[in-house]
Amino acid sequence: MGVAELKLKLHQTIDSIDDKDKLEALYILLKDTKSKYASMNIKDYINAIDEAIAQIKAGDFSLVEDFEKESENW
């Protein structure tokens, strides 16, 4: 499948979706992915790790089981 055909199929698939939650999930997945994985210096890297550890300690995380249950409704 070529790029043009794939784009057409994606457009058709997205146009057929009426579920707002699914559309928002697709939008988040597809928007600006480059900045999410941009290079960072060591200080930013350490800060990101520290922030993640703080979120885990505060209980701000999701379990795989939660995602599995949620995905059953997709």
Protein backbone atom coordinates (compact mmCIF):
# COMPACT_ATOMS: atom_id res chain seq x y z
CA MET A 1 0.00 0.00 0.00
CA GLY A 2 1.44 3.34 -1.04
CA VAL A 3 1.49 6.53 1.01
CA ALA A 4 -1.36 8.13 -0.94
CA GLU A 5 -3.60 5.08 -0.51
CA LEU A 6 -2.76 4.83 3.18
CA LYS A 7 -3.59 8.51 3.71
CA LEU A 8 -6.90 8.03 1.93
CA LYS A 9 -7.76 5.01 4.07
CA LEU A 10 -6.83 6.91 7.23
CA HIS A 11 -9.02 9.85 6.23
CA GLN A 12 -11.91 7.53 5.45
CA THR A 13 -11.51 5.69 8.74
CA ILE A 14 -11.31 8.90 10.77
CA ASP A 15 -14.32 10.34 8.93
CA SER A 16 -16.36 7.29 9.91
CA ILE A 17 -15.66 7.66 13.67
CA ASP A 18 -18.36 9.43 15.68
CA ASP A 19 -16.95 8.64 19.13
CA LYS A 20 -15.40 11.82 20.58
CA ASP A 21 -13.12 9.90 22.97
CA LYS A 22 -11.66 7.84 20.14
CA LEU A 23 -11.12 10.94 18.01
CA GLU A 24 -9.40 12.73 20.88
CA ALA A 25 -7.17 9.69 21.46
CA LEU A 26 -6.22 9.63 17.79
CA TYR A 27 -5.54 13.36 17.82
CA ILE A 28 -3.26 13.06 20.84
CA LEU A 29 -1.46 10.13 19.25
CA LEU A 30 -0.91 11.88 15.94
CA LYS A 31 -0.23 15.48 16.95
CA ASP A 32 3.27 16.84 17.36
CA THR A 33 5.02 13.57 18.15
CA LYS A 34 8.43 15.05 17.35
CA SER A 35 8.49 17.36 20.37
CA LYS A 36 7.53 14.54 22.71
CA TYR A 37 10.72 12.67 21.88
CA ALA A 38 13.02 15.61 21.37
CA SER A 39 16.60 15.37 22.59
CA MET A 40 17.25 16.64 26.07
CA ASN A 41 20.31 17.47 28.06
CA ILE A 42 21.32 15.51 31.17
CA LYS A 43 19.77 18.06 33.56
CA ASP A 44 16.38 17.86 31.81
CA TYR A 45 16.66 14.06 31.73
CA ILE A 46 17.31 13.87 35.47
CA ASN A 47 14.46 16.32 36.16
CA ALA A 48 12.09 14.18 34.07
CA ILE A 49 13.09 11.08 36.04
CA ASP A 50 12.64 12.90 39.34
CA GLU A 51 9.20 14.10 38.24
CA ALA A 52 8.20 10.57 37.24
CA ILE A 53 9.34 9.18 40.59
CA ALA A 54 7.34 11.87 42.42
CA GLN A 55 4.24 10.99 40.38
CA ILE A 56 4.60 7.32 41.26
CA LYS A 57 5.08 8.09 44.96
CA ALA A 58 1.94 10.27 44.84
CA GLY A 59 -0.01 7.38 43.30
CA ASP A 60 -0.43 9.21 40.00
CA PHE A 61 -0.16 6.23 37.67
CA SER A 62 -2.34 3.66 35.91
CA LEU A 63 -2.14 -0.11 36.06
CA VAL A 64 -2.08 -2.32 32.99
CA GLU A 65 -5.35 -3.81 34.20
CA ASP A 66 -6.96 -0.36 34.06
CA PHE A 67 -5.90 0.07 30.43
CA GLU A 68 -7.12 -3.43 29.57
CA LYS A 69 -10.56 -2.68 31.01
CA GLU A 70 -10.69 0.67 29.24
CA SER A 71 -9.64 -0.82 25.92
CA GLU A 72 -12.57 -3.26 26.02
CA ASN A 73 -14.83 -0.25 25.36
CA TRP A 74 -12.92 0.97 22.30
